[in-house]
C-alpha atoms as a PDB file:
ATOM      1  CA  MET A   1       3.578 177.922 142.029  1.00  0.00           C
ATOM      2  CA  LYS A   2       1.502 176.309 144.788  1.00  0.00           C
ATOM      3  CA  LYS A   3       4.534 176.138 147.061  1.00  0.00           C
ATOM      4  CA  ARG A   4       5.327 179.768 146.299  1.00  0.00           C
ATOM      5  CA  ILE A   5       1.793 180.905 147.196  1.00  0.00           C
ATOM      6  CA  ILE A   6       1.732 178.912 150.439  1.00  0.00           C
ATOM      7  CA  SER A   7       5.104 180.362 151.471  1.00  0.00           C
ATOM      8  CA  ALA A   8       3.877 183.872 150.688  1.00  0.00           C
ATOM      9  CA  ILE A   9       0.804 183.387 152.882  1.00  0.00           C
ATOM     10  CA  VAL A  10       2.918 182.055 155.747  1.00  0.00           C
ATOM     11  CA  MET A  11       5.312 185.014 155.441  1.00  0.00           C
ATOM     12  CA  ILE A  12       2.414 187.467 155.548  1.00  0.00           C
ATOM     13  CA  LEU A  13       0.926 185.797 158.630  1.00  0.00           C
ATOM     14  CA  ILE A  14       4.279 186.026 160.407  1.00  0.00           C
ATOM     15  CA  LEU A  15       5.648 189.352 159.188  1.00  0.00           C
ATOM     16  CA  VAL A  16       2.548 191.569 159.306  1.00  0.00           C
ATOM     17  CA  PRO A  17       1.767 191.125 163.032  1.00  0.00           C
ATOM     18  CA  LEU A  18       5.407 191.666 163.994  1.00  0.00           C
ATOM     19  CA  LEU A  19       5.554 194.724 161.739  1.00  0.00           C
ATOM     20  CA  LEU A  20       2.483 196.197 163.423  1.00  0.00           C
ATOM     21  CA  ILE A  21       3.675 195.368 166.948  1.00  0.00           C
ATOM     22  CA  GLY A  22       7.140 196.825 166.348  1.00  0.00           C
ATOM     23  CA  LYS A  23       9.500 197.281 169.291  1.00  0.00           C
ATOM     24  CA  LEU A  24      11.384 194.187 170.547  1.00  0.00           C
ATOM     25  CA  PRO A  25       9.460 191.578 168.493  1.00  0.00           C
ATOM     26  CA  PHE A  26      10.248 193.454 165.274  1.00  0.00           C
ATOM     27  CA  MET A  27      13.871 193.843 166.323  1.00  0.00           C
ATOM     28  CA  ILE A  28      14.121 190.080 166.865  1.00  0.00           C
ATOM     29  CA  LEU A  29      12.566 189.482 163.433  1.00  0.00           C
ATOM     30  CA  SER A  30      15.049 191.863 161.782  1.00  0.00           C
ATOM     31  CA  LEU A  31      17.912 190.243 163.684  1.00  0.00           C
ATOM     32  CA  LEU A  32      16.912 186.777 162.485  1.00  0.00           C
ATOM     33  CA  LEU A  33      16.560 188.009 158.905  1.00  0.00           C
ATOM     34  CA  GLY A  34      19.962 189.702 159.085  1.00  0.00           C
ATOM     35  CA  LEU A  35      21.690 186.638 160.503  1.00  0.00           C
ATOM     36  CA  GLY A  36      19.914 184.429 157.982  1.00  0.00           C
ATOM     37  CA  SER A  37      21.186 186.670 155.190  1.00  0.00           C
ATOM     38  CA  LEU A  38      24.684 186.427 156.630  1.00  0.00           C
ATOM     39  CA  TYR A  39      24.411 182.639 156.591  1.00  0.00           C
ATOM     40  CA  GLU A  40      23.510 182.793 152.897  1.00  0.00           C
ATOM     41  CA  LEU A  41      26.497 184.993 152.041  1.00  0.00           C
ATOM     42  CA  LEU A  42      28.927 182.986 154.161  1.00  0.00           C
ATOM     43  CA  LYS A  43      27.978 179.876 152.182  1.00  0.00           C
ATOM     44  CA  LEU A  44      29.587 181.494 149.135  1.00  0.00           C
ATOM     45  CA  LYS A  45      32.943 181.237 150.964  1.00  0.00           C
ATOM     46  CA  LYS A  46      33.266 177.539 151.635  1.00  0.00           C
ATOM     47  CA  ASN A  47      36.618 177.318 153.442  1.00  0.00           C
ATOM     48  CA  LEU A  48      36.291 180.027 156.080  1.00  0.00           C
ATOM     49  CA  PRO A  49      37.385 178.934 159.577  1.00  0.00           C
ATOM     50  CA  LEU A  50      34.612 178.457 162.125  1.00  0.00           C
ATOM     51  CA  ILE A  51      35.998 181.170 164.407  1.00  0.00           C
ATOM     52  CA  VAL A  52      35.700 183.760 161.638  1.00  0.00           C
ATOM     53  CA  LYS A  53      32.097 182.760 160.955  1.00  0.00           C
ATOM     54  CA  VAL A  54      31.255 183.042 164.653  1.00  0.00           C
ATOM     55  CA  ILE A  55      32.816 186.507 164.771  1.00  0.00           C
ATOM     56  CA  ALA A  56      30.803 187.519 161.705  1.00  0.00           C
ATOM     57  CA  PHE A  57      27.515 186.452 163.325  1.00  0.00           C
ATOM     58  CA  LEU A  58      28.408 188.311 166.528  1.00  0.00           C
ATOM     59  CA  LEU A  59      29.340 191.522 164.716  1.00  0.00           C
ATOM     60  CA  VAL A  60      26.321 191.574 162.404  1.00  0.00           C
ATOM     61  CA  GLY A  61      24.056 190.833 165.356  1.00  0.00           C
ATOM     62  CA  LEU A  62      25.698 193.605 167.354  1.00  0.00           C
ATOM     63  CA  LEU A  63      25.222 196.150 164.557  1.00  0.00           C
ATOM     64  CA  ILE A  64      21.558 195.258 164.174  1.00  0.00           C
ATOM     65  CA  CYS A  65      20.836 195.317 167.908  1.00  0.00           C
ATOM     66  CA  TYR A  66      22.697 198.615 168.239  1.00  0.00           C
ATOM     67  CA  SER A  67      20.132 200.160 165.902  1.00  0.00           C
ATOM     68  CA  TYR A  68      17.301 199.171 168.213  1.00  0.00           C
ATOM     69  CA  PHE A  69      18.888 200.601 171.367  1.00  0.00           C
ATOM     70  CA  ASP A  70      20.220 203.771 169.714  1.00  0.00           C
ATOM     71  CA  ILE A  71      18.238 206.700 171.149  1.00  0.00           C
ATOM     72  CA  ASN A  72      18.983 209.040 168.242  1.00  0.00           C
ATOM     73  CA  ILE A  73      16.687 207.438 165.676  1.00  0.00           C
ATOM     74  CA  LEU A  74      14.692 210.630 165.185  1.00  0.00           C
ATOM     75  CA  THR A  75      17.704 212.739 164.234  1.00  0.00           C
ATOM     76  CA  ILE A  76      19.658 210.539 161.847  1.00  0.00           C
ATOM     77  CA  TYR A  77      19.274 206.919 160.896  1.00  0.00           C
ATOM     78  CA  LEU A  78      22.842 205.890 160.116  1.00  0.00           C
ATOM     79  CA  ASN A  79      24.716 207.455 163.016  1.00  0.00           C
ATOM     80  CA  TYR A  80      26.986 204.587 163.977  1.00  0.00           C
ATOM     81  CA  ASP A  81      30.057 205.511 165.967  1.00  0.00           C
ATOM     82  CA  PHE A  82      33.018 205.663 163.572  1.00  0.00           C
ATOM     83  CA  ARG A  83      35.223 203.930 166.130  1.00  0.00           C
ATOM     84  CA  PHE A  84      32.791 201.032 166.176  1.00  0.00           C
ATOM     85  CA  LEU A  85      33.173 200.600 162.421  1.00  0.00           C
ATOM     86  CA  VAL A  86      36.958 200.789 162.624  1.00  0.00           C
ATOM     87  CA  ILE A  87      36.979 198.052 165.269  1.00  0.00           C
ATOM     88  CA  ILE A  88      35.017 195.776 162.930  1.00  0.00           C
ATOM     89  CA  MET A  89      37.530 196.318 160.129  1.00  0.00           C
ATOM     90  CA  LEU A  90      40.501 195.763 162.419  1.00  0.00           C
ATOM     91  CA  ILE A  91      39.085 192.525 163.821  1.00  0.00           C
ATOM     92  CA  TYR A  92      38.808 190.910 160.401  1.00  0.00           C
ATOM     93  CA  LEU A  93      42.225 192.152 159.291  1.00  0.00           C
ATOM     94  CA  LEU A  94      43.969 191.055 162.478  1.00  0.00           C
ATOM     95  CA  MET A  95      42.544 187.566 161.999  1.00  0.00           C
ATOM     96  CA  LEU A  96      44.976 187.274 159.070  1.00  0.00           C
ATOM     97  CA  VAL A  97      47.785 187.159 161.624  1.00  0.00           C
ATOM     98  CA  PHE A  98      46.124 184.775 164.063  1.00  0.00           C
ATOM     99  CA  ILE A  99      44.932 182.265 161.451  1.00  0.00           C
ATOM    100  CA  ASN A 100      48.001 182.603 159.204  1.00  0.00           C
ATOM    101  CA  ASP A 101      46.725 180.185 156.560  1.00  0.00           C
ATOM    102  CA  GLN A 102      46.165 181.710 153.132  1.00  0.00           C
ATOM    103  CA  LYS A 103      44.150 178.703 151.967  1.00  0.00           C
ATOM    104  CA  LYS A 104      41.616 179.122 154.769  1.00  0.00           C
ATOM    105  CA  TYR A 105      41.618 182.890 155.260  1.00  0.00           C
ATOM    106  CA  ASN A 106      43.303 185.583 153.169  1.00  0.00           C
ATOM    107  CA  TYR A 107      43.007 189.327 152.665  1.00  0.00           C
ATOM    108  CA  MET A 108      40.243 188.902 150.074  1.00  0.00           C
ATOM    109  CA  ASP A 109      38.210 186.974 152.646  1.00  0.00           C
ATOM    110  CA  ALA A 110      38.850 189.712 155.204  1.00  0.00           C
ATOM    111  CA  PHE A 111      37.571 192.474 152.919  1.00  0.00           C
ATOM    112  CA  TYR A 112      34.625 190.298 151.870  1.00  0.00           C
ATOM    113  CA  LEU A 113      33.638 189.861 155.510  1.00  0.00           C
ATOM    114  CA  ILE A 114      34.079 193.555 156.240  1.00  0.00           C
ATOM    115  CA  GLY A 115      31.791 194.355 153.338  1.00  0.00           C
ATOM    116  CA  ILE A 116      28.977 191.928 154.157  1.00  0.00           C
ATOM    117  CA  THR A 117      29.126 192.710 157.881  1.00  0.00           C
ATOM    118  CA  LEU A 118      28.706 196.440 157.329  1.00  0.00           C
ATOM    119  CA  PHE A 119      26.163 195.945 154.548  1.00  0.00           C
ATOM    120  CA  LEU A 120      23.887 193.588 156.474  1.00  0.00           C
ATOM    121  CA  GLY A 121      24.345 195.434 159.761  1.00  0.00           C
ATOM    122  CA  PHE A 122      23.419 198.746 158.142  1.00  0.00           C
ATOM    123  CA  ALA A 123      20.616 197.252 156.032  1.00  0.00           C
ATOM    124  CA  PHE A 124      18.612 195.459 158.702  1.00  0.00           C
ATOM    125  CA  GLY A 125      19.562 197.919 161.419  1.00  0.00           C
ATOM    126  CA  ASN A 126      18.280 200.689 159.193  1.00  0.00           C
ATOM    127  CA  ILE A 127      14.935 198.919 158.763  1.00  0.00           C
ATOM    128  CA  ILE A 128      14.622 198.787 162.563  1.00  0.00           C
ATOM    129  CA  ARG A 129      15.361 202.511 162.824  1.00  0.00           C
ATOM    130  CA  ILE A 130      12.745 203.355 160.221  1.00  0.00           C
ATOM    131  CA  ARG A 131      10.135 201.198 161.979  1.00  0.00           C
ATOM    132  CA  ASN A 132      10.927 202.801 165.345  1.00  0.00           C
ATOM    133  CA  SER A 133      10.596 206.218 163.767  1.00  0.00           C
ATOM    134  CA  SER A 134       7.438 205.631 161.698  1.00  0.00           C
ATOM    135  CA  LEU A 135       5.385 202.533 160.920  1.00  0.00           C
ATOM    136  CA  LEU A 136       3.710 204.339 158.017  1.00  0.00           C
ATOM    137  CA  VAL A 137       7.034 205.175 156.360  1.00  0.00           C
ATOM    138  CA  LEU A 138       8.137 201.543 156.508  1.00  0.00           C
ATOM    139  CA  ILE A 139       4.792 200.486 155.005  1.00  0.00           C
ATOM    140  CA  TYR A 140       5.358 203.073 152.262  1.00  0.00           C
ATOM    141  CA  LEU A 141       8.740 201.520 151.468  1.00  0.00           C
ATOM    142  CA  LEU A 142       7.239 198.022 151.532  1.00  0.00           C
ATOM    143  CA  ILE A 143       4.546 199.122 149.079  1.00  0.00           C
ATOM    144  CA  ILE A 144       7.230 200.360 146.689  1.00  0.00           C
ATOM    145  CA  ALA A 145       9.127 197.076 146.907  1.00  0.00           C
ATOM    146  CA  ILE A 146       6.094 194.778 146.627  1.00  0.00           C
ATOM    147  CA  LEU A 147       4.283 196.630 143.839  1.00  0.00           C
ATOM    148  CA  SER A 148       7.465 197.224 141.834  1.00  0.00           C
ATOM    149  CA  ASP A 149       8.573 193.588 142.053  1.00  0.00           C
ATOM    150  CA  THR A 150       5.116 192.146 141.402  1.00  0.00           C
ATOM    151  CA  PHE A 151       4.223 194.301 138.424  1.00  0.00           C
ATOM    152  CA  ALA A 152       7.711 194.097 136.962  1.00  0.00           C
ATOM    153  CA  LEU A 153       7.164 190.338 136.791  1.00  0.00           C
ATOM    154  CA  LEU A 154       3.655 190.661 135.358  1.00  0.00           C
ATOM    155  CA  SER A 155       4.598 193.388 132.867  1.00  0.00           C
ATOM    156  CA  GLY A 156       7.586 191.389 131.727  1.00  0.00           C
ATOM    157  CA  MET A 157       5.464 188.284 131.199  1.00  0.00           C
ATOM    158  CA  MET A 158       2.807 190.162 129.223  1.00  0.00           C
ATOM    159  CA  PHE A 159       4.780 192.775 127.283  1.00  0.00           C
ATOM    160  CA  GLY A 160       8.466 191.939 127.685  1.00  0.00           C
ATOM    161  CA  LYS A 161      10.443 192.031 124.443  1.00  0.00           C
ATOM    162  CA  HIS A 162      13.628 193.965 125.185  1.00  0.00           C
ATOM    163  CA  LYS A 163      16.145 192.431 127.591  1.00  0.00           C
ATOM    164  CA  LEU A 164      17.182 194.708 130.440  1.00  0.00           C
ATOM    165  CA  ALA A 165      20.490 193.095 131.452  1.00  0.00           C
ATOM    166  CA  PRO A 166      20.793 189.745 129.634  1.00  0.00           C
ATOM    167  CA  LYS A 167      24.261 188.939 130.996  1.00  0.00           C
ATOM    168  CA  ILE A 168      23.037 189.365 134.574  1.00  0.00           C
ATOM    169  CA  SER A 169      19.393 188.288 134.500  1.00  0.00           C
ATOM    170  CA  PRO A 170      18.116 187.017 131.130  1.00  0.00           C
ATOM    171  CA  ASN A 171      14.454 187.067 132.191  1.00  0.00           C
ATOM    172  CA  LYS A 172      14.272 190.736 133.166  1.00  0.00           C
ATOM    173  CA  THR A 173      12.996 193.142 130.510  1.00  0.00           C
ATOM    174  CA  VAL A 174      12.819 196.884 129.945  1.00  0.00           C
ATOM    175  CA  GLU A 175       9.026 196.619 129.742  1.00  0.00           C
ATOM    176  CA  GLY A 176       8.988 194.872 133.100  1.00  0.00           C
ATOM    177  CA  LEU A 177      11.099 197.616 134.647  1.00  0.00           C
ATOM    178  CA  ILE A 178       8.802 200.319 133.253  1.00  0.00           C
ATOM    179  CA  GLY A 179       5.618 198.548 134.345  1.00  0.00           C
ATOM    180  CA  GLY A 180       6.902 197.782 137.814  1.00  0.00           C
ATOM    181  CA  SER A 181       8.289 201.274 138.386  1.00  0.00           C
ATOM    182  CA  LEU A 182       5.105 202.901 137.104  1.00  0.00           C
ATOM    183  CA  ILE A 183       2.697 200.927 139.301  1.00  0.00           C
ATOM    184  CA  GLY A 184       5.054 201.017 142.280  1.00  0.00           C
ATOM    185  CA  THR A 185       5.402 204.780 142.010  1.00  0.00           C
ATOM    186  CA  ILE A 186       1.667 205.417 141.604  1.00  0.00           C
ATOM    187  CA  GLY A 187       0.579 203.105 144.432  1.00  0.00           C
ATOM    188  CA  ALA A 188       3.217 204.184 146.954  1.00  0.00           C
ATOM    189  CA  SER A 189       2.876 207.896 146.099  1.00  0.00           C
ATOM    190  CA  LEU A 190      -0.882 207.751 146.700  1.00  0.00           C
ATOM    191  CA  PHE A 191      -0.265 206.074 150.054  1.00  0.00           C
ATOM    192  CA  TYR A 192       2.258 208.742 151.033  1.00  0.00           C
ATOM    193  CA  ILE A 193       0.066 211.650 149.899  1.00  0.00           C
ATOM    194  CA  PHE A 194      -3.227 210.489 151.445  1.00  0.00           C
ATOM    195  CA  VAL A 195      -2.016 208.532 154.493  1.00  0.00           C
ATOM    196  CA  ILE A 196       1.342 209.900 155.624  1.00  0.00           C
ATOM    197  CA  LYS A 197       0.594 213.460 154.451  1.00  0.00           C
ATOM    198  CA  ASN A 198       4.025 214.710 155.533  1.00  0.00           C
ATOM    199  CA  PHE A 199       5.197 216.634 152.467  1.00  0.00           C
ATOM    200  CA  SER A 200       5.399 220.096 150.978  1.00  0.00           C
ATOM    201  CA  ASN A 201       5.632 219.237 147.299  1.00  0.00           C
ATOM    202  CA  ILE A 202       3.691 216.405 145.628  1.00  0.00           C
ATOM    203  CA  PHE A 203       6.035 216.386 142.630  1.00  0.00           C
ATOM    204  CA  LEU A 204       9.045 215.742 144.878  1.00  0.00           C
ATOM    205  CA  ILE A 205       7.269 212.853 146.603  1.00  0.00           C
ATOM    206  CA  ILE A 206       6.462 211.265 143.239  1.00  0.00           C
ATOM    207  CA  LEU A 207      10.047 211.806 142.099  1.00  0.00           C
ATOM    208  CA  LEU A 208      11.413 210.304 145.319  1.00  0.00           C
ATOM    209  CA  THR A 209       9.117 207.294 145.010  1.00  0.00           C
ATOM    210  CA  LEU A 210      10.140 206.681 141.403  1.00  0.00           C
ATOM    211  CA  PHE A 211      13.816 206.881 142.330  1.00  0.00           C
ATOM    212  CA  LEU A 212      13.312 204.437 145.210  1.00  0.00           C
ATOM    213  CA  SER A 213      11.485 202.032 142.900  1.00  0.00           C
ATOM    214  CA  LEU A 214      14.365 202.140 140.422  1.00  0.00           C
ATOM    215  CA  MET A 215      16.876 201.562 143.224  1.00  0.00           C
ATOM    216  CA  GLY A 216      14.874 198.515 144.286  1.00  0.00           C
ATOM    217  CA  SER A 217      15.144 197.167 140.734  1.00  0.00           C
ATOM    218  CA  LEU A 218      18.889 197.810 140.747  1.00  0.00           C
ATOM    219  CA  GLY A 219      19.127 195.980 144.058  1.00  0.00           C
ATOM    220  CA  ASP A 220      17.459 193.000 142.419  1.00  0.00           C
ATOM    221  CA  LEU A 221      20.033 193.124 139.615  1.00  0.00           C
ATOM    222  CA  VAL A 222      22.868 193.303 142.158  1.00  0.00           C
ATOM    223  CA  LYS A 223      21.476 190.156 143.764  1.00  0.00           C
ATOM    224  CA  SER A 224      21.262 188.451 140.367  1.00  0.00           C
ATOM    225  CA  SER A 225      24.831 189.458 139.552  1.00  0.00           C
ATOM    226  CA  ILE A 226      26.138 187.977 142.804  1.00  0.00           C
ATOM    227  CA  LYS A 227      24.283 184.710 142.201  1.00  0.00           C
ATOM    228  CA  ARG A 228      25.462 184.476 138.601  1.00  0.00           C
ATOM    229  CA  ASN A 229      29.085 185.000 139.654  1.00  0.00           C
ATOM    230  CA  ALA A 230      28.666 182.377 142.370  1.00  0.00           C
ATOM    231  CA  GLY A 231      26.984 179.944 139.976  1.00  0.00           C
ATOM    232  CA  ILE A 232      23.844 179.511 142.101  1.00  0.00           C
ATOM    233  CA  LYS A 233      20.139 179.887 141.376  1.00  0.00           C
ATOM    234  CA  ASP A 234      19.039 181.009 144.853  1.00  0.00           C
ATOM    235  CA  PHE A 235      20.918 182.115 147.951  1.00  0.00           C
ATOM    236  CA  SER A 236      19.248 179.304 149.902  1.00  0.00           C
ATOM    237  CA  ASN A 237      16.014 177.329 150.182  1.00  0.00           C
ATOM    238  CA  LEU A 238      14.939 178.828 153.498  1.00  0.00           C
ATOM    239  CA  ILE A 239      11.704 180.084 151.905  1.00  0.00           C
ATOM    240  CA  PRO A 240      10.216 177.301 149.737  1.00  0.00           C
ATOM    241  CA  GLY A 241       9.338 178.539 146.275  1.00  0.00           C
ATOM    242  CA  HIS A 242      11.059 181.886 146.846  1.00  0.00           C
ATOM    243  CA  GLY A 243      14.663 180.997 147.585  1.00  0.00           C
ATOM    244  CA  GLY A 244      16.545 182.678 150.378  1.00  0.00           C
ATOM    245  CA  ILE A 245      16.084 185.751 152.530  1.00  0.00           C
ATOM    246  CA  LEU A 246      18.194 187.890 150.217  1.00  0.00           C
ATOM    247  CA  ASP A 247      16.132 186.665 147.266  1.00  0.00           C
ATOM    248  CA  ARG A 248      13.027 188.183 148.886  1.00  0.00           C
ATOM    249  CA  PHE A 249      14.364 191.248 150.691  1.00  0.00           C
ATOM    250  CA  ASP A 250      16.962 192.598 148.261  1.00  0.00           C
ATOM    251  CA  SER A 251      14.668 195.315 146.887  1.00  0.00           C
ATOM    252  CA  LEU A 252      13.546 196.503 150.324  1.00  0.00           C
ATOM    253  CA  ILE A 253      17.156 196.669 151.512  1.00  0.00           C
ATOM    254  CA  PHE A 254      18.230 198.952 148.671  1.00  0.00           C
ATOM    255  CA  ILE A 255      15.041 201.014 148.876  1.00  0.00           C
ATOM    256  CA  SER A 256      15.362 201.610 152.621  1.00  0.00           C
ATOM    257  CA  LEU A 257      19.065 202.471 152.451  1.00  0.00           C
ATOM    258  CA  THR A 258      18.415 204.921 149.614  1.00  0.00           C
ATOM    259  CA  TYR A 259      15.504 206.437 151.533  1.00  0.00           C
ATOM    260  CA  VAL A 260      17.648 207.509 154.489  1.00  0.00           C
ATOM    261  CA  ILE A 261      20.019 209.243 152.095  1.00  0.00           C
ATOM    262  CA  MET A 262      17.340 210.964 150.051  1.00  0.00           C
ATOM    263  CA  ILE A 263      14.871 211.938 152.799  1.00  0.00           C
ATOM    264  CA  ASN A 264      17.154 214.691 154.088  1.00  0.00           C
ATOM    265  CA  LEU A 265      16.866 216.378 150.705  1.00  0.00           C
ATOM    266  CA  PHE A 266      13.092 216.776 150.957  1.00  0.00           C
END
C-alpha cells in the first residue's frame, strides 16, 4: 500500500503540471504513455521480429503526433485520413511476405498489430485532441475515471456481495459498480454543470456522465479479460504498486473514446 501511495503522489506531481501546461509538453507525455502501452501489449507476443516491433512503435507514434498537429480539432476529433489507416493495415499485411516465417510472424500477428496500433493511436491521440480543444473537458473525463475507479474499489470492499464478472475479474462486484458509477456521475456532473456550463439540458449531462462511467468500468473489465487470457497479473511493473500504464489508464481511454462519439448527440 505504501508503494502504491508513493507512486500515486509521483504521478500526480508529474501529470498535473503537464496537463495544465498542455501543448507540446502534454503531447510528449501522451506519446510516451502511448508507446509505453504499446510496449506492454507487444510483450504478450513474444516471438515477433524486431523489425515489426520497430514499425509498430513508429506507426503508433505517428498516429499520436498526427493528432497534435491536426488543425481540425475543433470540428471533429477522430478525423484521420482513411488512406492513412489503409497504409497502416497494408504495411502489417505485406510484412507477411517479407518475413515469410509463420513461426515468427503470421496473419494473426498482423491483425493483432493492426488492432493495437489503431487502438493506441486513436486512444492517446484522442486525449491530445480533447486537451487541445478544452482543458476543462479533459478534467471532467478524468474526474469520471478517478471517482468511478476509486469508489468502485471502496464500495466493493465495504458492501460487495454479488460478483460482477467472476470469470474475468473475481474481485469486482455489482455493489462496487453501482457505488463507483453513482459517485463518479454525481461528482463529474456537478463539475460539468457548475464549471464547464456548456449544456442545454442537465438531465442529458447526467445521463452522458453515467454512460461514460459505465464505459470506464467496461474498459477495466476488457483490461482484466486480456490479462486473464494472457495469464498475467499486470501489464508491466512500470508504475510500482499500480502495474503498467494500461492498468492505470484503461478507464480513461474508454471514457474519452466514448465521449467523442456521444458528444455529437448533445
